[in-house]
Amino acid sequence: MKLRKMEMLNLVFVAAIFAAAAYLYPALPERVASHWNAQGQVNGYMGRFWGAFFVPFMAFVLDLVFLAVPRIDPKKENIEKFRKSFDLFVSLFLVFLSYIYALTLLWAFNHHFNMTQMMIPAFSLLFFAMAVLVQNAEPNWSIGIRTPWTLSSEAVWRKTHAFGGKLFTIAAALTLLGLLFPAQALWFALIPIIACSIAVVVYSYLEFTKLPRP
């Protein structure tokens, strides 16, 4: 399988996360904080091994999925039309994971802060990456806003993805407001993305109902 330049760089990035995990593993405590509540308080732990290597393993597996999808999708020729946007999404997603991982490592080494608030920039970046991806996604079976109505009509697909791209961009901006309101930071990420997800499904259905019937 021939890899694109960005795909190779992403694999190198994942390898760097593994290298960091291996280097820091001996210094980590026996229990590593792995989950925080909406107030940024720890309410879950992992053992040292999984605290060090869970995110690197997840990044590796997901990167393999991202490598496979454009090659096995029945409409892979359409995916090639927006490969730059897809590659950008994959890279930003890996940056998202590595940022969250870095925060957990800092916490493990007793650098404590409001975890929820610190995650806000990462969520905003992820939503922006989603916006870029869906705005450029051509019809396919694996990537994008896949509802029964977008998959049944290219016209509905294009309208829904244009609409969804705008909504996810707005969600990315609204999420950043969580930096100003630490106590409610999580809701500034959850509410916009949930609202966007519901809106694009409803929109795709409404657009489908407008199509002329045979």
N, C-alpha and C. Protein backbone atom coordinates (compact mmCIF):
# COMPACT_ATOMS: atom_id res chain seq x y z
N MET A 1 0.85 -1.20 0.00
CA MET A 1 0.00 0.00 0.00
C MET A 1 0.88 1.25 0.00
N LYS A 2 0.75 2.05 -1.02
CA LYS A 2 1.54 3.27 -1.12
C LYS A 2 0.90 4.37 -0.27
N LEU A 3 1.72 5.00 0.56
CA LEU A 3 1.22 6.03 1.46
C LEU A 3 1.49 7.42 0.90
N ARG A 4 0.53 8.30 1.12
CA ARG A 4 0.72 9.70 0.78
C ARG A 4 1.66 10.35 1.79
N LYS A 5 2.20 11.51 1.43
CA LYS A 5 3.14 12.19 2.31
C LYS A 5 2.51 12.51 3.65
N MET A 6 1.27 13.02 3.66
CA MET A 6 0.61 13.37 4.91
C MET A 6 0.33 12.13 5.75
N GLU A 7 0.01 11.02 5.10
CA GLU A 7 -0.23 9.78 5.82
C GLU A 7 1.05 9.30 6.53
N MET A 8 2.17 9.43 5.86
CA MET A 8 3.44 9.05 6.48
C MET A 8 3.76 9.97 7.65
N LEU A 9 3.51 11.25 7.49
CA LEU A 9 3.76 12.19 8.58
C LEU A 9 2.87 11.88 9.78
N ASN A 10 1.63 11.49 9.52
CA ASN A 10 0.73 11.14 10.62
C ASN A 10 1.22 9.91 11.37
N LEU A 11 1.74 8.92 10.64
CA LEU A 11 2.29 7.73 11.29
C LEU A 11 3.53 8.08 12.13
N VAL A 12 4.34 8.99 11.61
CA VAL A 12 5.51 9.44 12.39
C VAL A 12 5.04 10.15 13.65
N PHE A 13 3.97 10.93 13.53
CA PHE A 13 3.42 11.64 14.69
C PHE A 13 2.93 10.64 15.74
N VAL A 14 2.24 9.60 15.31
CA VAL A 14 1.76 8.57 16.23
C VAL A 14 2.95 7.87 16.89
N ALA A 15 3.99 7.60 16.12
CA ALA A 15 5.19 6.97 16.67
C ALA A 15 5.82 7.87 17.73
N ALA A 16 5.77 9.17 17.51
CA ALA A 16 6.32 10.11 18.49
C ALA A 16 5.52 10.08 19.80
N ILE A 17 4.20 9.89 19.70
CA ILE A 17 3.37 9.78 20.90
C ILE A 17 3.77 8.51 21.68
N PHE A 18 3.98 7.41 20.95
CA PHE A 18 4.42 6.17 21.61
C PHE A 18 5.79 6.37 22.28
N ALA A 19 6.69 7.07 21.59
CA ALA A 19 8.02 7.29 22.15
C ALA A 19 7.93 8.11 23.43
N ALA A 20 7.07 9.12 23.43
CA ALA A 20 6.89 9.93 24.64
C ALA A 20 6.31 9.09 25.78
N ALA A 21 5.36 8.21 25.44
CA ALA A 21 4.76 7.33 26.45
C ALA A 21 5.80 6.40 27.05
N ALA A 22 6.64 5.81 26.21
CA ALA A 22 7.67 4.89 26.69
C ALA A 22 8.69 5.61 27.57
N TYR A 23 9.03 6.83 27.19
CA TYR A 23 10.01 7.60 27.96
C TYR A 23 9.47 7.99 29.33
N LEU A 24 8.19 8.39 29.38
CA LEU A 24 7.61 8.89 30.63
C LEU A 24 7.05 7.78 31.51
N TYR A 25 6.83 6.60 30.94
CA TYR A 25 6.19 5.51 31.68
C TYR A 25 6.82 5.22 33.05
N PRO A 26 8.14 5.09 33.14
CA PRO A 26 8.72 4.74 34.46
C PRO A 26 8.47 5.79 35.54
N ALA A 27 8.25 7.04 35.12
CA ALA A 27 8.08 8.11 36.10
C ALA A 27 6.63 8.34 36.50
N LEU A 28 5.71 7.67 35.83
CA LEU A 28 4.29 7.89 36.12
C LEU A 28 3.91 7.21 37.44
N PRO A 29 2.91 7.76 38.14
CA PRO A 29 2.42 7.11 39.36
C PRO A 29 1.68 5.82 39.02
N GLU A 30 1.42 5.00 40.03
CA GLU A 30 0.74 3.73 39.82
C GLU A 30 -0.68 3.92 39.28
N ARG A 31 -1.34 4.99 39.69
CA ARG A 31 -2.68 5.31 39.19
C ARG A 31 -2.62 6.66 38.47
N VAL A 32 -3.17 6.68 37.27
CA VAL A 32 -3.15 7.89 36.45
C VAL A 32 -4.59 8.35 36.24
N ALA A 33 -4.86 9.61 36.55
CA ALA A 33 -6.21 10.17 36.35
C ALA A 33 -6.59 10.05 34.87
N SER A 34 -7.81 9.58 34.61
CA SER A 34 -8.23 9.34 33.22
C SER A 34 -9.60 9.93 32.89
N HIS A 35 -10.30 10.43 33.89
CA HIS A 35 -11.63 10.96 33.64
C HIS A 35 -11.93 12.07 34.63
N TRP A 36 -12.56 13.14 34.10
CA TRP A 36 -12.92 14.29 34.93
C TRP A 36 -14.40 14.59 34.74
N ASN A 37 -15.05 15.10 35.78
CA ASN A 37 -16.46 15.46 35.66
C ASN A 37 -16.60 16.86 35.07
N ALA A 38 -17.82 17.33 34.97
CA ALA A 38 -18.08 18.62 34.34
C ALA A 38 -17.43 19.77 35.08
N GLN A 39 -17.15 19.59 36.36
CA GLN A 39 -16.50 20.63 37.15
C GLN A 39 -14.98 20.54 37.10
N GLY A 40 -14.46 19.60 36.30
CA GLY A 40 -13.02 19.45 36.18
C GLY A 40 -12.37 18.67 37.29
N GLN A 41 -13.17 17.88 38.03
CA GLN A 41 -12.65 17.10 39.14
C GLN A 41 -12.46 15.64 38.70
N VAL A 42 -11.40 15.03 39.15
CA VAL A 42 -11.10 13.64 38.77
C VAL A 42 -12.14 12.70 39.34
N ASN A 43 -12.69 11.83 38.50
CA ASN A 43 -13.61 10.79 38.99
C ASN A 43 -13.36 9.44 38.33
N GLY A 44 -12.14 9.26 37.80
CA GLY A 44 -11.78 7.98 37.23
C GLY A 44 -10.27 7.86 37.07
N TYR A 45 -9.76 6.63 37.25
CA TYR A 45 -8.32 6.39 37.14
C TYR A 45 -8.04 5.16 36.29
N MET A 46 -6.82 5.10 35.74
CA MET A 46 -6.30 3.93 35.05
C MET A 46 -5.00 3.51 35.74
N GLY A 47 -4.63 2.25 35.54
CA GLY A 47 -3.31 1.81 35.99
C GLY A 47 -2.23 2.50 35.17
N ARG A 48 -0.99 2.40 35.63
CA ARG A 48 0.10 3.13 34.98
C ARG A 48 0.28 2.75 33.51
N PHE A 49 0.20 1.45 33.18
CA PHE A 49 0.42 1.05 31.79
C PHE A 49 -0.59 1.69 30.86
N TRP A 50 -1.89 1.53 31.18
CA TRP A 50 -2.91 2.08 30.30
C TRP A 50 -2.95 3.60 30.38
N GLY A 51 -2.60 4.16 31.53
CA GLY A 51 -2.50 5.62 31.62
C GLY A 51 -1.47 6.17 30.67
N ALA A 52 -0.41 5.40 30.45
CA ALA A 52 0.64 5.83 29.53
C ALA A 52 0.33 5.51 28.08
N PHE A 53 -0.27 4.32 27.83
CA PHE A 53 -0.33 3.84 26.45
C PHE A 53 -1.73 3.78 25.84
N PHE A 54 -2.78 4.08 26.61
CA PHE A 54 -4.13 3.98 26.03
C PHE A 54 -4.29 4.94 24.85
N VAL A 55 -3.93 6.21 25.04
CA VAL A 55 -4.10 7.19 23.96
C VAL A 55 -3.20 6.86 22.77
N PRO A 56 -1.92 6.51 22.97
CA PRO A 56 -1.11 6.12 21.80
C PRO A 56 -1.70 4.94 21.03
N PHE A 57 -2.19 3.92 21.74
CA PHE A 57 -2.80 2.78 21.06
C PHE A 57 -4.06 3.23 20.29
N MET A 58 -4.87 4.07 20.92
CA MET A 58 -6.08 4.55 20.26
C MET A 58 -5.73 5.36 19.01
N ALA A 59 -4.72 6.21 19.12
CA ALA A 59 -4.29 7.01 17.96
C ALA A 59 -3.82 6.10 16.83
N PHE A 60 -3.09 5.05 17.18
CA PHE A 60 -2.58 4.13 16.16
C PHE A 60 -3.72 3.40 15.45
N VAL A 61 -4.65 2.86 16.22
CA VAL A 61 -5.78 2.13 15.63
C VAL A 61 -6.62 3.03 14.75
N LEU A 62 -6.92 4.23 15.25
CA LEU A 62 -7.74 5.16 14.47
C LEU A 62 -7.01 5.59 13.20
N ASP A 63 -5.70 5.78 13.30
CA ASP A 63 -4.95 6.17 12.10
C ASP A 63 -4.99 5.06 11.06
N LEU A 64 -4.95 3.79 11.50
CA LEU A 64 -5.08 2.68 10.56
C LEU A 64 -6.44 2.70 9.87
N VAL A 65 -7.49 3.03 10.65
CA VAL A 65 -8.83 3.15 10.06
C VAL A 65 -8.85 4.27 9.03
N PHE A 66 -8.25 5.40 9.38
CA PHE A 66 -8.19 6.53 8.45
C PHE A 66 -7.40 6.19 7.19
N LEU A 67 -6.42 5.33 7.32
CA LEU A 67 -5.66 4.90 6.15
C LEU A 67 -6.50 3.99 5.26
N ALA A 68 -7.31 3.15 5.89
CA ALA A 68 -8.06 2.14 5.13
C ALA A 68 -9.28 2.72 4.42
N VAL A 69 -10.00 3.60 5.09
CA VAL A 69 -11.29 4.07 4.56
C VAL A 69 -11.20 4.60 3.14
N PRO A 70 -10.27 5.50 2.81
CA PRO A 70 -10.23 6.02 1.43
C PRO A 70 -9.88 4.97 0.38
N ARG A 71 -9.40 3.83 0.83
CA ARG A 71 -8.98 2.80 -0.11
C ARG A 71 -10.03 1.71 -0.30
N ILE A 72 -10.96 1.58 0.64
CA ILE A 72 -11.95 0.50 0.54
C ILE A 72 -13.36 1.00 0.30
N ASP A 73 -13.59 2.30 0.43
CA ASP A 73 -14.93 2.83 0.20
C ASP A 73 -15.33 2.58 -1.26
N PRO A 74 -16.57 2.12 -1.50
CA PRO A 74 -17.01 1.88 -2.88
C PRO A 74 -16.94 3.13 -3.77
N LYS A 75 -16.99 4.30 -3.16
CA LYS A 75 -16.90 5.55 -3.92
C LYS A 75 -15.57 6.25 -3.62
N LYS A 76 -14.50 5.48 -3.57
CA LYS A 76 -13.21 6.05 -3.19
C LYS A 76 -12.73 7.11 -4.18
N GLU A 77 -13.20 7.04 -5.41
CA GLU A 77 -12.81 8.08 -6.37
C GLU A 77 -13.35 9.45 -5.95
N ASN A 78 -14.50 9.46 -5.27
CA ASN A 78 -15.04 10.73 -4.76
C ASN A 78 -14.25 11.22 -3.56
N ILE A 79 -13.78 10.29 -2.74
CA ILE A 79 -12.97 10.69 -1.58
C ILE A 79 -11.68 11.36 -2.04
N GLU A 80 -11.13 10.89 -3.17
CA GLU A 80 -9.91 11.50 -3.70
C GLU A 80 -10.12 12.96 -4.05
N LYS A 81 -11.35 13.34 -4.33
CA LYS A 81 -11.64 14.73 -4.69
C LYS A 81 -11.52 15.68 -3.50
N PHE A 82 -11.62 15.13 -2.27
CA PHE A 82 -11.46 16.00 -1.10
C PHE A 82 -10.40 15.43 -0.14
N ARG A 83 -9.39 14.76 -0.71
CA ARG A 83 -8.38 14.14 0.12
C ARG A 83 -7.61 15.17 0.95
N LYS A 84 -7.37 16.36 0.43
CA LYS A 84 -6.65 17.36 1.21
C LYS A 84 -7.41 17.71 2.48
N SER A 85 -8.72 17.86 2.35
CA SER A 85 -9.55 18.17 3.52
C SER A 85 -9.58 16.99 4.49
N PHE A 86 -9.65 15.78 3.94
CA PHE A 86 -9.66 14.59 4.79
C PHE A 86 -8.33 14.43 5.52
N ASP A 87 -7.23 14.62 4.79
CA ASP A 87 -5.91 14.51 5.41
C ASP A 87 -5.73 15.56 6.50
N LEU A 88 -6.24 16.77 6.26
CA LEU A 88 -6.17 17.82 7.28
C LEU A 88 -6.96 17.41 8.51
N PHE A 89 -8.14 16.84 8.30
CA PHE A 89 -8.95 16.39 9.43
C PHE A 89 -8.21 15.34 10.25
N VAL A 90 -7.62 14.37 9.58
CA VAL A 90 -6.90 13.30 10.29
C VAL A 90 -5.76 13.90 11.12
N SER A 91 -5.01 14.82 10.52
CA SER A 91 -3.89 15.43 11.24
C SER A 91 -4.37 16.21 12.45
N LEU A 92 -5.43 16.99 12.27
CA LEU A 92 -5.95 17.79 13.39
C LEU A 92 -6.57 16.88 14.46
N PHE A 93 -7.15 15.77 14.04
CA PHE A 93 -7.70 14.83 15.02
C PHE A 93 -6.58 14.23 15.88
N LEU A 94 -5.46 13.90 15.25
CA LEU A 94 -4.33 13.38 16.00
C LEU A 94 -3.74 14.44 16.93
N VAL A 95 -3.73 15.69 16.48
CA VAL A 95 -3.30 16.78 17.35
C VAL A 95 -4.25 16.91 18.54
N PHE A 96 -5.55 16.76 18.28
CA PHE A 96 -6.56 16.79 19.34
C PHE A 96 -6.25 15.72 20.40
N LEU A 97 -6.03 14.50 19.95
CA LEU A 97 -5.74 13.41 20.88
C LEU A 97 -4.45 13.66 21.66
N SER A 98 -3.43 14.14 20.97
CA SER A 98 -2.15 14.35 21.63
C SER A 98 -2.23 15.48 22.66
N TYR A 99 -3.04 16.48 22.39
CA TYR A 99 -3.23 17.57 23.35
C TYR A 99 -3.92 17.06 24.61
N ILE A 100 -4.99 16.29 24.44
CA ILE A 100 -5.68 15.71 25.59
C ILE A 100 -4.72 14.80 26.37
N TYR A 101 -3.92 14.04 25.64
CA TYR A 101 -2.94 13.15 26.27
C TYR A 101 -1.92 13.96 27.08
N ALA A 102 -1.45 15.05 26.50
CA ALA A 102 -0.48 15.90 27.21
C ALA A 102 -1.07 16.45 28.50
N LEU A 103 -2.35 16.82 28.47
CA LEU A 103 -3.00 17.34 29.68
C LEU A 103 -3.04 16.26 30.76
N THR A 104 -3.36 15.01 30.37
CA THR A 104 -3.43 13.94 31.37
C THR A 104 -2.05 13.66 31.96
N LEU A 105 -1.02 13.76 31.14
CA LEU A 105 0.34 13.54 31.64
C LEU A 105 0.75 14.66 32.60
N LEU A 106 0.42 15.88 32.24
CA LEU A 106 0.74 17.00 33.13
C LEU A 106 0.05 16.81 34.48
N TRP A 107 -1.21 16.38 34.42
CA TRP A 107 -1.95 16.14 35.67
C TRP A 107 -1.28 15.03 36.49
N ALA A 108 -0.84 13.99 35.80
CA ALA A 108 -0.19 12.88 36.50
C ALA A 108 1.08 13.32 37.21
N PHE A 109 1.73 14.35 36.67
CA PHE A 109 2.94 14.87 37.29
C PHE A 109 2.66 16.08 38.19
N ASN A 110 1.40 16.11 38.69
CA ASN A 110 0.99 17.08 39.72
C ASN A 110 0.94 18.53 39.25
N HIS A 111 0.68 18.72 37.97
CA HIS A 111 0.41 20.06 37.46
C HIS A 111 -1.11 20.15 37.28
N HIS A 112 -1.82 20.61 38.30
CA HIS A 112 -3.27 20.57 38.30
C HIS A 112 -3.87 21.89 37.82
N PHE A 113 -5.02 21.79 37.17
CA PHE A 113 -5.69 22.94 36.56
C PHE A 113 -7.13 22.53 36.32
N ASN A 114 -7.93 23.44 35.77
CA ASN A 114 -9.31 23.11 35.41
C ASN A 114 -9.27 22.34 34.09
N MET A 115 -9.36 21.02 34.18
CA MET A 115 -9.21 20.17 33.01
C MET A 115 -10.26 20.48 31.95
N THR A 116 -11.51 20.67 32.37
CA THR A 116 -12.58 20.94 31.40
C THR A 116 -12.29 22.20 30.61
N GLN A 117 -11.87 23.24 31.30
CA GLN A 117 -11.57 24.50 30.62
C GLN A 117 -10.38 24.34 29.67
N MET A 118 -9.38 23.59 30.10
CA MET A 118 -8.20 23.40 29.27
C MET A 118 -8.49 22.58 28.00
N MET A 119 -9.55 21.78 28.06
CA MET A 119 -9.91 20.97 26.89
C MET A 119 -10.69 21.75 25.84
N ILE A 120 -11.19 22.91 26.23
CA ILE A 120 -12.03 23.70 25.32
C ILE A 120 -11.33 24.03 24.00
N PRO A 121 -10.08 24.50 23.99
CA PRO A 121 -9.43 24.78 22.69
C PRO A 121 -9.35 23.55 21.80
N ALA A 122 -9.14 22.38 22.42
CA ALA A 122 -9.05 21.15 21.63
C ALA A 122 -10.38 20.81 20.98
N PHE A 123 -11.47 20.96 21.72
CA PHE A 123 -12.78 20.70 21.15
C PHE A 123 -13.10 21.69 20.03
N SER A 124 -12.73 22.95 20.23
CA SER A 124 -12.97 23.95 19.20
C SER A 124 -12.20 23.60 17.92
N LEU A 125 -10.96 23.17 18.08
CA LEU A 125 -10.15 22.75 16.93
C LEU A 125 -10.78 21.57 16.22
N LEU A 126 -11.27 20.60 16.99
CA LEU A 126 -11.90 19.41 16.41
C LEU A 126 -13.15 19.80 15.62
N PHE A 127 -13.97 20.68 16.17
CA PHE A 127 -15.19 21.08 15.47
C PHE A 127 -14.85 21.86 14.19
N PHE A 128 -13.78 22.66 14.24
CA PHE A 128 -13.36 23.38 13.04
C PHE A 128 -12.89 22.39 11.97
N ALA A 129 -12.14 21.36 12.39
CA ALA A 129 -11.69 20.34 11.45
C ALA A 129 -12.88 19.62 10.82
N MET A 130 -13.91 19.37 11.61
CA MET A 130 -15.13 18.75 11.09
C MET A 130 -15.80 19.67 10.08
N ALA A 131 -15.80 20.96 10.36
CA ALA A 131 -16.42 21.93 9.44
C ALA A 131 -15.74 21.91 8.09
N VAL A 132 -14.41 21.94 8.10
CA VAL A 132 -13.66 21.92 6.84
C VAL A 132 -13.92 20.63 6.08
N LEU A 133 -13.96 19.53 6.81
CA LEU A 133 -14.18 18.23 6.16
C LEU A 133 -15.55 18.16 5.50
N VAL A 134 -16.61 18.47 6.24
CA VAL A 134 -17.95 18.29 5.68
C VAL A 134 -18.26 19.30 4.58
N GLN A 135 -17.66 20.48 4.65
CA GLN A 135 -17.89 21.46 3.59
C GLN A 135 -17.36 20.98 2.24
N ASN A 136 -16.35 20.14 2.28
CA ASN A 136 -15.71 19.70 1.05
C ASN A 136 -16.01 18.25 0.67
N ALA A 137 -16.71 17.53 1.53
CA ALA A 137 -16.93 16.10 1.30
C ALA A 137 -17.83 15.85 0.09
N GLU A 138 -17.35 15.00 -0.80
CA GLU A 138 -18.15 14.53 -1.93
C GLU A 138 -18.89 13.26 -1.50
N PRO A 139 -19.98 12.92 -2.19
CA PRO A 139 -20.77 11.74 -1.80
C PRO A 139 -19.93 10.46 -1.71
N ASN A 140 -20.03 9.78 -0.58
CA ASN A 140 -19.36 8.50 -0.37
C ASN A 140 -20.09 7.77 0.76
N TRP A 141 -19.62 6.58 1.09
CA TRP A 141 -20.32 5.76 2.08
C TRP A 141 -19.71 5.83 3.48
N SER A 142 -18.58 6.50 3.65
CA SER A 142 -17.86 6.41 4.92
C SER A 142 -17.62 7.73 5.63
N ILE A 143 -17.47 8.81 4.90
CA ILE A 143 -17.03 10.07 5.48
C ILE A 143 -18.07 11.15 5.23
N GLY A 144 -18.46 11.85 6.28
CA GLY A 144 -19.40 12.95 6.11
C GLY A 144 -20.67 12.76 6.91
N ILE A 145 -21.69 13.52 6.54
CA ILE A 145 -22.99 13.46 7.22
C ILE A 145 -23.82 12.41 6.49
N ARG A 146 -23.87 11.23 7.06
CA ARG A 146 -24.48 10.08 6.38
C ARG A 146 -25.84 9.78 7.01
N THR A 147 -26.86 10.37 6.43
CA THR A 147 -28.23 10.06 6.83
C THR A 147 -28.88 9.31 5.66
N PRO A 148 -30.04 8.69 5.89
CA PRO A 148 -30.70 8.00 4.77
C PRO A 148 -30.96 8.93 3.59
N TRP A 149 -31.14 10.21 3.89
CA TRP A 149 -31.53 11.17 2.84
C TRP A 149 -30.31 11.72 2.09
N THR A 150 -29.19 11.93 2.78
CA THR A 150 -27.98 12.36 2.06
C THR A 150 -27.43 11.22 1.21
N LEU A 151 -27.59 9.99 1.68
CA LEU A 151 -27.08 8.84 0.93
C LEU A 151 -27.98 8.49 -0.25
N SER A 152 -29.19 9.02 -0.24
CA SER A 152 -30.14 8.71 -1.32
C SER A 152 -30.15 9.76 -2.41
N SER A 153 -29.57 10.92 -2.15
CA SER A 153 -29.62 12.00 -3.14
C SER A 153 -28.35 12.85 -3.07
N GLU A 154 -27.67 13.00 -4.20
CA GLU A 154 -26.48 13.83 -4.23
C GLU A 154 -26.82 15.30 -3.97
N ALA A 155 -27.98 15.72 -4.42
CA ALA A 155 -28.39 17.11 -4.19
C ALA A 155 -28.57 17.38 -2.70
N VAL A 156 -29.22 16.44 -2.02
CA VAL A 156 -29.40 16.57 -0.57
C VAL A 156 -28.06 16.49 0.14
N TRP A 157 -27.19 15.61 -0.33
CA TRP A 157 -25.85 15.50 0.25
C TRP A 157 -25.14 16.85 0.21
N ARG A 158 -25.12 17.48 -0.96
CA ARG A 158 -24.36 18.73 -1.12
C ARG A 158 -24.97 19.86 -0.28
N LYS A 159 -26.28 19.98 -0.27
CA LYS A 159 -26.92 21.03 0.51
C LYS A 159 -26.69 20.82 2.00
N THR A 160 -26.83 19.57 2.45
CA THR A 160 -26.66 19.27 3.87
C THR A 160 -25.23 19.52 4.32
N HIS A 161 -24.26 19.16 3.49
CA HIS A 161 -22.87 19.34 3.88
C HIS A 161 -22.47 20.82 3.87
N ALA A 162 -23.02 21.58 2.95
CA ALA A 162 -22.76 23.02 2.97
C ALA A 162 -23.34 23.64 4.23
N PHE A 163 -24.55 23.24 4.58
CA PHE A 163 -25.21 23.72 5.79
C PHE A 163 -24.46 23.26 7.04
N GLY A 164 -24.08 21.99 7.07
CA GLY A 164 -23.37 21.44 8.21
C GLY A 164 -22.03 22.10 8.43
N GLY A 165 -21.32 22.41 7.35
CA GLY A 165 -20.03 23.08 7.48
C GLY A 165 -20.15 24.41 8.18
N LYS A 166 -21.19 25.16 7.84
CA LYS A 166 -21.41 26.44 8.50
C LYS A 166 -21.74 26.26 9.98
N LEU A 167 -22.58 25.26 10.27
CA LEU A 167 -22.97 25.02 11.67
C LEU A 167 -21.78 24.60 12.52
N PHE A 168 -20.94 23.71 12.00
CA PHE A 168 -19.78 23.26 12.77
C PHE A 168 -18.77 24.39 12.98
N THR A 169 -18.68 25.30 12.02
CA THR A 169 -17.83 26.47 12.20
C THR A 169 -18.35 27.34 13.34
N ILE A 170 -19.66 27.54 13.37
CA ILE A 170 -20.28 28.31 14.47
C ILE A 170 -20.06 27.59 15.80
N ALA A 171 -20.21 26.26 15.79
CA ALA A 171 -20.00 25.48 17.02
C ALA A 171 -18.58 25.64 17.53
N ALA A 172 -17.61 25.67 16.62
CA ALA A 172 -16.20 25.84 17.02
C ALA A 172 -16.01 27.19 17.71
N ALA A 173 -16.65 28.23 17.16
CA ALA A 173 -16.52 29.56 17.76
C ALA A 173 -17.23 29.64 19.11
N LEU A 174 -18.43 29.08 19.20
CA LEU A 174 -19.18 29.11 20.46
C LEU A 174 -18.47 28.34 21.55
N THR A 175 -17.81 27.25 21.17
CA THR A 175 -17.10 26.43 22.16
C THR A 175 -16.02 27.24 22.87
N LEU A 176 -15.37 28.13 22.14
CA LEU A 176 -14.31 28.93 22.74
C LEU A 176 -14.81 29.83 23.87
N LEU A 177 -16.11 30.12 23.87
CA LEU A 177 -16.66 30.94 24.95
C LEU A 177 -16.51 30.25 26.31
N GLY A 178 -16.34 28.93 26.27
CA GLY A 178 -16.14 28.19 27.52
C GLY A 178 -14.89 28.64 28.26
N LEU A 179 -13.95 29.25 27.56
CA LEU A 179 -12.75 29.77 28.22
C LEU A 179 -13.10 30.91 29.17
N LEU A 180 -14.19 31.60 28.89
CA LEU A 180 -14.59 32.74 29.71
C LEU A 180 -15.47 32.33 30.89
N PHE A 181 -16.02 31.12 30.81
CA PHE A 181 -16.94 30.65 31.85
C PHE A 181 -16.50 29.25 32.30
N PRO A 182 -15.46 29.17 33.13
CA PRO A 182 -14.89 27.88 33.51
C PRO A 182 -15.91 26.89 34.10
N ALA A 183 -16.83 27.39 34.92
CA ALA A 183 -17.78 26.49 35.57
C ALA A 183 -18.74 25.83 34.58
N GLN A 184 -18.99 26.50 33.45
CA GLN A 184 -19.91 25.97 32.45
C GLN A 184 -19.19 25.57 31.16
N ALA A 185 -17.87 25.43 31.21
CA ALA A 185 -17.07 25.23 30.01
C ALA A 185 -17.54 24.02 29.19
N LEU A 186 -17.85 22.92 29.86
CA LEU A 186 -18.24 21.71 29.14
C LEU A 186 -19.50 21.92 28.32
N TRP A 187 -20.44 22.68 28.85
CA TRP A 187 -21.71 22.89 28.15
C TRP A 187 -21.53 23.72 26.88
N PHE A 188 -20.50 24.58 26.88
CA PHE A 188 -20.23 25.36 25.67
C PHE A 188 -19.69 24.49 24.55
N ALA A 189 -19.22 23.30 24.88
CA ALA A 189 -18.79 22.34 23.86
C ALA A 189 -19.92 21.38 23.50
N LEU A 190 -20.62 20.88 24.51
CA LEU A 190 -21.64 19.86 24.27
C LEU A 190 -22.88 20.39 23.57
N ILE A 191 -23.42 21.50 24.07
CA ILE A 191 -24.68 21.99 23.52
C ILE A 191 -24.57 22.36 22.04
N PRO A 192 -23.54 23.12 21.60
CA PRO A 192 -23.45 23.43 20.17
C PRO A 192 -23.31 22.21 19.28
N ILE A 193 -22.49 21.22 19.70
CA ILE A 193 -22.27 20.08 18.81
C ILE A 193 -23.49 19.17 18.76
N ILE A 194 -24.19 19.03 19.88
CA ILE A 194 -25.42 18.24 19.88
C ILE A 194 -26.48 18.92 19.02
N ALA A 195 -26.59 20.23 19.17
CA ALA A 195 -27.56 20.99 18.37
C ALA A 195 -27.24 20.88 16.88
N CYS A 196 -25.96 20.96 16.53
CA CYS A 196 -25.56 20.84 15.13
C CYS A 196 -25.89 19.46 14.58
N SER A 197 -25.62 18.43 15.37
CA SER A 197 -25.87 17.06 14.92
C SER A 197 -27.35 16.82 14.65
N ILE A 198 -28.19 17.34 15.53
CA ILE A 198 -29.63 17.20 15.32
C ILE A 198 -30.09 18.03 14.12
N ALA A 199 -29.55 19.23 14.01
CA ALA A 199 -29.99 20.14 12.94
C ALA A 199 -29.68 19.58 11.55
N VAL A 200 -28.50 18.98 11.38
CA VAL A 200 -28.17 18.49 10.03
C VAL A 200 -29.02 17.28 9.65
N VAL A 201 -29.41 16.47 10.63
CA VAL A 201 -30.29 15.33 10.33
C VAL A 201 -31.66 15.83 9.89
N VAL A 202 -32.20 16.77 10.65
CA VAL A 202 -33.51 17.34 10.31
C VAL A 202 -33.44 18.04 8.96
N TYR A 203 -32.38 18.81 8.75
CA TYR A 203 -32.23 19.55 7.49
C TYR A 203 -32.18 18.60 6.30
N SER A 204 -31.43 17.51 6.44
CA SER A 204 -31.32 16.57 5.31
C SER A 204 -32.68 15.96 4.99
N TYR A 205 -33.47 15.68 6.01
CA TYR A 205 -34.80 15.12 5.77
C TYR A 205 -35.70 16.15 5.06
N LEU A 206 -35.67 17.38 5.55
CA LEU A 206 -36.52 18.42 4.94
C LEU A 206 -36.13 18.68 3.49
N GLU A 207 -34.84 18.67 3.21
CA GLU A 207 -34.40 18.87 1.83
C GLU A 207 -34.82 17.70 0.95
N PHE A 208 -34.81 16.51 1.52
CA PHE A 208 -35.22 15.33 0.75
C PHE A 208 -36.70 15.41 0.40
N THR A 209 -37.51 15.91 1.31
CA THR A 209 -38.95 16.02 1.05
C THR A 209 -39.26 17.02 -0.04
N LYS A 210 -38.32 17.91 -0.34
CA LYS A 210 -38.53 18.92 -1.39
C LYS A 210 -38.24 18.37 -2.78
N LEU A 211 -37.60 17.20 -2.85
CA LEU A 211 -37.26 16.65 -4.16
C LEU A 211 -38.54 16.23 -4.89
N PRO A 212 -38.56 16.41 -6.23
CA PRO A 212 -39.73 15.99 -6.99
C PRO A 212 -39.90 14.48 -6.94
N ARG A 213 -41.12 14.05 -6.78
CA ARG A 213 -41.41 12.61 -6.72
C ARG A 213 -41.72 12.09 -8.11
N PRO A 214 -41.25 10.85 -8.43
CA PRO A 214 -41.53 10.27 -9.76
C PRO A 214 -43.01 9.97 -9.92
